[in-house]
Amino acid sequence: MSSSGRELTCVFFPDLHPWEREGVKPIIAALKGGGTVHEIESSERIPSSTDAVWVIARNWKKAVRATYRKSKLVPIFASVFGLSPDTRNLFTLLWRRIRPAEFTKVKIFAHSPINHRFFSEIEGLRGEQIVYLPLCTENREPPISRKSESSTVIGAFGRFEEETNLNFVLNVAHYVIRQKPEAQFRILGSGTLYRHLTRVVDDLGIAANVSVVETVRSDEVGSLDILLYAPLRNDHFLPLIFAAASAVTPVSTELPGIEAMVQDGKSGFVVPVNETKPMGELVIRLLDNPDLRVAMATEFRSQLLKNFDGKEVAMDYEKEFFGAAQSQAARAA
């Protein structure tokens, strides 16, 4: 980017969760290695010299509208970290199948195959408007593995909000604890449903085994040995990416695109969606076989560091921002 004078401005909006910000940091760091990248908050001015703007927000439509008011002369790209509030309205979804999508000059980055499909089929974005680009794995030093069953911690990480599937995770915990009374679970995240989740834990009678911990730090995933990943909406795979960075063994529900993240039986396990018993039984298998758990965690980390390396992933983003030929010329210079 630097040799061709290209500049990118990344605009962060306040509705992002802190750990979602962390999810794009390795990509931004890699892009900085090739040129000028500005990181600003939505309240700040966009530099007049910028050649492209990357909007990073949960309510991407509101964020894009605000960005357009500030800069109409450069290409605008937007990451999808959440769905717009009106997307929950059935009438709105049906209307969009008839009405052309707005923001025809904006390119949208979907960070999972299921989101790519949603925005193509429901939001009505044309093929050239929406592209699937994954997020990448941070190469952080994993914690020392704990092999004794008594110290093994199973958990989940995400938002304590209506659009999560943490009640299912708690049902899995209940199933496991009935078989393994010494099992320990840790539910990590933040949001409006914190009190609800703590009440569910009490109602299930598993408060001695399950901790609901309010946190916005992705490195807290490193305190787990097994990560349960069962989202209602697969926004971006970020909990799995954080787990890989810390060498945590994943047990995931079967989601579109999960095969690129977890190799079933090799780097973790994949189970049918919302099937409590199969997920619970695999967790028990990992508790009973710590060597298998450590081997899977090691393979999981190695696989994602190889396939979702920050520099490699960033090159795909750079091609979108500045075009393949210009990006290659900048890298070669």
Protein backbone atom coordinates (compact mmCIF):
# COMPACT_ATOMS: atom_id res chain seq x y z
CA MET A 1 0.00 0.00 0.00
CA SER A 2 2.73 2.41 0.86
CA SER A 3 4.44 2.32 -2.51
CA SER A 4 1.23 3.24 -4.32
CA GLY A 5 0.24 5.87 -1.74
CA ARG A 6 -2.85 3.92 -0.70
CA GLU A 7 -4.40 4.70 2.67
CA LEU A 8 -7.12 2.82 4.55
CA THR A 9 -9.22 4.22 7.40
CA CYS A 10 -10.83 1.77 9.84
CA VAL A 11 -13.82 3.30 11.65
CA PHE A 12 -14.92 1.61 14.89
CA PHE A 13 -18.45 2.19 16.17
CA PRO A 14 -19.36 2.07 19.87
CA ASP A 15 -21.93 -0.74 19.54
CA LEU A 16 -19.14 -3.27 18.96
CA HIS A 17 -18.31 -5.66 21.77
CA PRO A 18 -14.67 -5.23 22.89
CA TRP A 19 -13.77 -8.74 21.86
CA GLU A 20 -15.21 -8.12 18.39
CA ARG A 21 -12.76 -5.24 18.08
CA GLU A 22 -10.03 -7.67 19.01
CA GLY A 23 -11.18 -9.96 16.22
CA VAL A 24 -10.07 -7.54 13.50
CA LYS A 25 -6.90 -6.32 15.21
CA PRO A 26 -4.60 -9.02 13.69
CA ILE A 27 -5.87 -8.13 10.21
CA ILE A 28 -5.29 -4.42 10.77
CA ALA A 29 -1.81 -5.11 12.15
CA ALA A 30 -0.95 -7.12 9.03
CA LEU A 31 -2.32 -4.38 6.75
CA LYS A 32 -0.14 -1.83 8.54
CA GLY A 33 2.87 -3.85 7.50
CA GLY A 34 2.23 -2.85 3.91
CA GLY A 35 1.10 0.74 4.16
CA THR A 36 -0.82 3.45 5.99
CA VAL A 37 -3.80 2.41 8.09
CA HIS A 38 -5.72 4.85 10.28
CA GLU A 39 -7.79 3.53 13.22
CA ILE A 40 -10.41 6.02 14.36
CA GLU A 41 -13.61 6.12 16.39
CA SER A 42 -16.89 7.00 14.71
CA SER A 43 -16.88 10.44 16.33
CA GLU A 44 -13.59 11.40 14.69
CA ARG A 45 -12.98 12.91 11.25
CA ILE A 46 -12.02 10.66 8.37
CA PRO A 47 -8.61 11.73 6.99
CA SER A 48 -8.98 13.54 3.68
CA SER A 49 -6.12 11.50 2.21
CA THR A 50 -7.78 8.13 2.71
CA ASP A 51 -8.51 5.93 -0.31
CA ALA A 52 -10.94 3.49 1.31
CA VAL A 53 -13.00 3.27 4.51
CA TRP A 54 -13.65 0.08 6.48
CA VAL A 55 -16.72 0.40 8.71
CA ILE A 56 -16.65 -1.98 11.70
CA ALA A 57 -19.93 -2.03 13.62
CA ARG A 58 -22.83 -4.20 14.76
CA ASN A 59 -25.61 -2.07 13.26
CA TRP A 60 -23.81 -1.76 9.96
CA LYS A 61 -26.60 0.15 8.17
CA LYS A 62 -26.67 2.93 10.73
CA ALA A 63 -22.86 3.01 10.70
CA VAL A 64 -22.68 3.20 6.90
CA ARG A 65 -25.22 6.03 6.80
CA ALA A 66 -23.12 7.99 9.30
CA THR A 67 -19.94 7.30 7.33
CA TYR A 68 -21.52 8.37 4.03
CA ARG A 69 -22.34 11.74 5.53
CA LYS A 70 -18.65 12.22 6.24
CA SER A 71 -17.10 10.69 3.14
CA LYS A 72 -18.98 10.12 -0.12
CA LEU A 73 -15.99 10.21 -2.44
CA VAL A 74 -14.13 6.99 -1.49
CA PRO A 75 -15.16 3.32 -1.52
CA ILE A 76 -16.82 2.16 1.70
CA PHE A 77 -16.64 -1.40 3.02
CA ALA A 78 -18.56 -2.69 6.04
CA SER A 79 -18.06 -5.75 8.23
CA VAL A 80 -21.14 -7.56 9.52
CA PHE A 81 -20.78 -8.23 13.25
CA GLY A 82 -24.49 -8.16 13.99
CA LEU A 83 -27.85 -7.85 12.33
CA SER A 84 -29.68 -4.55 12.08
CA PRO A 85 -32.58 -4.20 14.57
CA ASP A 86 -35.19 -4.20 11.81
CA THR A 87 -33.93 -7.57 10.56
CA ARG A 88 -35.92 -9.25 13.35
CA ASN A 89 -39.18 -8.03 11.81
CA LEU A 90 -40.77 -10.69 9.58
CA PHE A 91 -42.58 -8.12 7.42
CA THR A 92 -39.28 -6.33 6.77
CA LEU A 93 -37.61 -9.58 5.71
CA LEU A 94 -40.45 -10.43 3.31
CA TRP A 95 -40.45 -6.89 1.89
CA ARG A 96 -36.73 -7.12 1.13
CA ARG A 97 -37.32 -10.07 -1.15
CA ILE A 98 -39.28 -7.67 -3.38
CA ARG A 99 -37.61 -4.33 -2.73
CA PRO A 100 -34.04 -3.80 -3.98
CA ALA A 101 -31.40 -3.57 -1.28
CA GLU A 102 -30.11 -0.14 -0.32
CA PHE A 103 -26.44 0.87 -0.14
CA THR A 104 -25.69 -0.36 -3.64
CA LYS A 105 -22.25 1.29 -3.60
CA VAL A 106 -21.14 -0.36 -0.36
CA LYS A 107 -19.36 -3.71 -0.23
CA ILE A 108 -20.23 -5.94 2.72
CA PHE A 109 -17.85 -8.40 4.41
CA ALA A 110 -19.59 -11.46 5.87
CA HIS A 111 -17.32 -13.36 8.25
CA SER A 112 -19.12 -16.70 8.08
CA PRO A 113 -20.80 -18.69 5.28
CA ILE A 114 -24.19 -18.55 7.00
CA ASN A 115 -24.06 -14.75 7.20
CA HIS A 116 -23.03 -14.60 3.57
CA ARG A 117 -26.07 -16.67 2.65
CA PHE A 118 -28.36 -14.57 4.86
CA PHE A 119 -27.32 -11.28 3.28
CA SER A 120 -27.56 -12.72 -0.22
CA GLU A 121 -30.97 -14.37 0.16
CA ILE A 122 -32.73 -12.25 2.80
CA GLU A 123 -31.12 -8.81 2.63
CA GLY A 124 -31.13 -9.05 -1.16
CA LEU A 125 -27.52 -8.01 -1.73
CA ARG A 126 -26.17 -8.80 -5.19
CA GLY A 127 -23.16 -11.07 -5.67
CA GLU A 128 -20.73 -8.20 -6.18
CA GLN A 129 -21.94 -6.43 -3.03
CA ILE A 130 -21.30 -9.23 -0.52
CA VAL A 131 -18.12 -11.28 -0.05
CA TYR A 132 -17.16 -13.90 2.51
CA LEU A 133 -13.88 -13.02 4.22
CA PRO A 134 -12.85 -14.89 7.38
CA LEU A 135 -11.27 -13.41 10.46
CA CYS A 136 -7.86 -14.72 11.49
CA THR A 137 -6.16 -16.43 14.40
CA GLU A 138 -3.88 -14.49 16.70
CA ASN A 139 -0.59 -16.24 17.40
CA ARG A 140 -0.57 -15.94 21.18
CA GLU A 141 1.34 -18.22 23.52
CA PRO A 142 -1.03 -20.92 24.80
CA PRO A 143 -1.21 -21.64 28.53
CA ILE A 144 0.37 -24.78 29.98
CA SER A 145 -2.07 -27.65 29.47
CA ARG A 146 -3.65 -29.18 32.54
CA LYS A 147 -4.08 -32.93 32.20
CA SER A 148 -5.76 -33.94 35.43
CA GLU A 149 -9.50 -34.45 35.11
CA SER A 150 -10.19 -32.53 38.31
CA SER A 151 -8.71 -29.31 36.90
CA THR A 152 -10.37 -29.50 33.48
CA VAL A 153 -12.73 -26.56 32.84
CA ILE A 154 -15.49 -26.66 30.22
CA GLY A 155 -17.08 -23.44 29.09
CA ALA A 156 -18.49 -21.06 26.52
CA PHE A 157 -17.75 -17.49 25.50
CA GLY A 158 -20.09 -14.95 23.94
CA ARG A 159 -22.88 -12.46 24.43
CA PHE A 160 -25.40 -12.77 27.24
CA GLU A 161 -28.21 -11.68 24.94
CA GLU A 162 -31.41 -13.07 23.43
CA GLU A 163 -29.74 -14.14 20.20
CA THR A 164 -27.37 -16.58 21.90
CA ASN A 165 -27.84 -20.25 22.74
CA LEU A 166 -26.45 -20.33 26.27
CA ASN A 167 -29.52 -22.08 27.69
CA PHE A 168 -28.56 -25.04 25.50
CA VAL A 169 -25.00 -24.90 26.85
CA LEU A 170 -26.38 -24.97 30.40
CA ASN A 171 -28.47 -28.03 29.52
CA VAL A 172 -25.29 -29.73 28.31
CA ALA A 173 -23.59 -28.76 31.56
CA HIS A 174 -26.51 -30.26 33.52
CA TYR A 175 -26.22 -33.52 31.57
CA VAL A 176 -22.45 -33.77 32.10
CA ILE A 177 -22.63 -32.93 35.81
CA ARG A 178 -25.14 -35.73 36.38
CA GLN A 179 -22.54 -38.16 35.01
CA LYS A 180 -19.49 -36.36 36.37
CA PRO A 181 -20.32 -34.54 39.63
CA GLU A 182 -16.81 -33.08 39.78
CA ALA A 183 -17.06 -31.37 36.35
CA GLN A 184 -16.54 -27.60 36.32
CA PHE A 185 -18.06 -25.16 33.83
CA ARG A 186 -17.38 -21.48 33.21
CA ILE A 187 -19.74 -19.35 31.09
CA LEU A 188 -17.87 -16.22 29.95
CA GLY A 189 -19.32 -13.06 28.45
CA SER A 190 -21.42 -10.00 29.14
CA GLY A 191 -24.87 -8.64 28.40
CA THR A 192 -28.39 -8.10 29.64
CA LEU A 193 -29.09 -11.79 30.34
CA TYR A 194 -26.43 -12.16 33.04
CA ARG A 195 -28.97 -12.34 35.86
CA HIS A 196 -31.21 -14.66 33.85
CA LEU A 197 -28.35 -17.10 33.30
CA THR A 198 -27.40 -17.10 36.98
CA ARG A 199 -31.05 -17.86 37.86
CA VAL A 200 -31.14 -20.74 35.36
CA VAL A 201 -27.99 -22.16 36.94
CA ASP A 202 -29.65 -22.00 40.35
CA ASP A 203 -32.90 -23.52 39.05
CA LEU A 204 -30.98 -26.45 37.51
CA GLY A 205 -29.23 -27.05 40.83
CA ILE A 206 -25.75 -26.80 39.32
CA ALA A 207 -24.51 -23.57 40.93
CA ALA A 208 -21.66 -25.47 42.66
CA ASN A 209 -20.35 -26.59 39.27
CA VAL A 210 -21.13 -23.68 36.97
CA SER A 211 -19.80 -20.11 37.17
CA VAL A 212 -21.33 -17.34 35.06
CA VAL A 213 -18.52 -14.80 34.69
CA GLU A 214 -19.00 -11.28 33.32
CA THR A 215 -16.04 -10.39 31.12
CA VAL A 216 -15.27 -8.70 27.80
CA ARG A 217 -11.74 -10.09 27.52
CA SER A 218 -11.15 -12.68 24.82
CA ASP A 219 -8.03 -13.97 26.58
CA GLU A 220 -10.31 -15.35 29.30
CA VAL A 221 -11.00 -18.19 26.84
CA GLY A 222 -7.49 -19.39 27.75
CA SER A 223 -8.83 -20.32 31.20
CA LEU A 224 -10.89 -23.08 29.56
CA ASP A 225 -9.78 -26.53 28.49
CA ILE A 226 -12.86 -27.32 26.38
CA LEU A 227 -14.95 -24.74 24.52
CA LEU A 228 -18.60 -25.45 23.72
CA TYR A 229 -19.63 -23.51 20.61
CA ALA A 230 -23.35 -23.51 19.86
CA PRO A 231 -24.48 -20.11 18.52
CA LEU A 232 -28.01 -19.42 17.36
CA ARG A 233 -26.53 -17.21 14.66
CA ASN A 234 -23.02 -17.91 13.47
CA ASP A 235 -21.75 -14.34 13.14
CA HIS A 236 -18.01 -14.74 12.81
CA PHE A 237 -16.53 -17.85 14.55
CA LEU A 238 -14.63 -15.53 16.91
CA PRO A 239 -14.97 -17.74 20.04
CA LEU A 240 -13.43 -20.61 18.06
CA ILE A 241 -10.63 -18.37 16.81
CA PHE A 242 -9.86 -17.24 20.37
CA ALA A 243 -9.96 -20.88 21.51
CA ALA A 244 -7.47 -21.90 18.84
CA ALA A 245 -5.08 -19.13 19.86
CA SER A 246 -5.09 -20.51 23.43
CA ALA A 247 -5.04 -24.21 22.46
CA VAL A 248 -8.52 -24.97 23.81
CA THR A 249 -10.31 -28.07 22.49
CA PRO A 250 -13.56 -27.22 20.63
CA VAL A 251 -16.85 -29.10 20.67
CA SER A 252 -19.11 -27.34 18.17
CA THR A 253 -22.58 -27.76 16.77
CA GLU A 254 -22.83 -28.47 13.04
CA LEU A 255 -22.87 -25.07 11.36
CA PRO A 256 -22.34 -24.01 7.75
CA GLY A 257 -18.58 -23.56 7.30
CA ILE A 258 -17.59 -25.34 10.51
CA GLU A 259 -15.63 -27.89 8.49
CA ALA A 260 -13.07 -25.19 7.70
CA MET A 261 -12.56 -24.57 11.42
CA VAL A 262 -12.90 -27.93 13.19
CA GLN A 263 -12.00 -31.33 11.75
CA ASP A 264 -14.39 -33.68 13.50
CA GLY A 265 -12.53 -36.33 15.48
CA LYS A 266 -9.13 -34.78 14.77
CA SER A 267 -9.00 -31.18 16.00
CA GLY A 268 -12.21 -31.30 18.03
CA PHE A 269 -15.74 -32.61 17.71
CA VAL A 270 -18.80 -31.52 15.69
CA VAL A 271 -22.30 -32.57 16.80
CA PRO A 272 -25.84 -32.05 15.45
CA VAL A 273 -27.44 -28.71 16.32
CA ASN A 274 -29.12 -28.55 19.74
CA GLU A 275 -28.52 -32.22 20.54
CA THR A 276 -27.74 -32.19 24.26
CA LYS A 277 -26.79 -35.83 24.79
CA PRO A 278 -24.25 -36.17 21.90
CA MET A 279 -22.42 -33.00 22.97
CA GLY A 280 -22.50 -34.05 26.62
CA GLU A 281 -21.13 -37.50 25.84
CA LEU A 282 -18.25 -36.06 23.85
CA VAL A 283 -17.41 -33.69 26.71
CA ILE A 284 -17.33 -36.68 29.06
CA ARG A 285 -15.08 -38.53 26.64
CA LEU A 286 -12.64 -35.62 26.70
CA LEU A 287 -12.79 -35.49 30.48
CA ASP A 288 -11.98 -39.19 30.66
CA ASN A 289 -9.16 -38.94 28.12
CA PRO A 290 -6.98 -35.88 28.82
CA ASP A 291 -4.32 -37.03 26.35
CA LEU A 292 -6.90 -36.98 23.54
CA ARG A 293 -8.06 -33.53 24.64
CA VAL A 294 -4.52 -32.12 24.61
CA ALA A 295 -3.76 -33.72 21.23
CA MET A 296 -6.92 -32.24 19.70
CA ALA A 297 -6.19 -28.81 21.17
CA THR A 298 -2.69 -28.88 19.72
CA GLU A 299 -3.98 -29.90 16.29
CA PHE A 300 -6.75 -27.29 16.42
CA ARG A 301 -4.28 -24.49 17.16
CA SER A 302 -1.84 -25.67 14.49
CA GLN A 303 -4.57 -25.99 11.87
CA LEU A 304 -6.05 -22.54 12.42
CA LEU A 305 -2.68 -20.81 12.66
CA LYS A 306 -1.88 -22.34 9.28
CA ASN A 307 -5.21 -21.80 7.51
CA PHE A 308 -6.20 -18.47 9.05
CA ASP A 309 -2.85 -16.73 9.32
CA GLY A 310 -3.15 -12.96 9.75
CA LYS A 311 -0.85 -12.01 6.88
CA GLU A 312 -2.53 -14.38 4.42
CA VAL A 313 -6.04 -13.33 5.41
CA ALA A 314 -5.08 -9.64 5.28
CA MET A 315 -4.00 -9.99 1.64
CA ASP A 316 -7.57 -10.92 0.69
CA TYR A 317 -8.87 -7.84 2.50
CA GLU A 318 -6.28 -5.68 0.78
CA LYS A 319 -7.38 -6.95 -2.63
CA GLU A 320 -10.94 -5.91 -1.83
CA PHE A 321 -9.88 -2.48 -0.58
CA PHE A 322 -7.49 -1.62 -3.41
CA GLY A 323 -7.83 -4.20 -6.17
CA ALA A 324 -5.74 -7.28 -6.87
CA ALA A 325 -3.25 -5.69 -9.27
CA GLN A 326 -2.56 -2.65 -7.08
CA SER A 327 -2.19 -4.77 -3.96
CA GLN A 328 0.26 -7.13 -5.63
CA ALA A 329 2.30 -4.22 -6.97
CA ALA A 330 2.48 -2.66 -3.51
CA ARG A 331 3.60 -5.96 -1.95
CA ALA A 332 6.27 -6.51 -4.61
CA ALA A 333 7.73 -2.98 -4.34
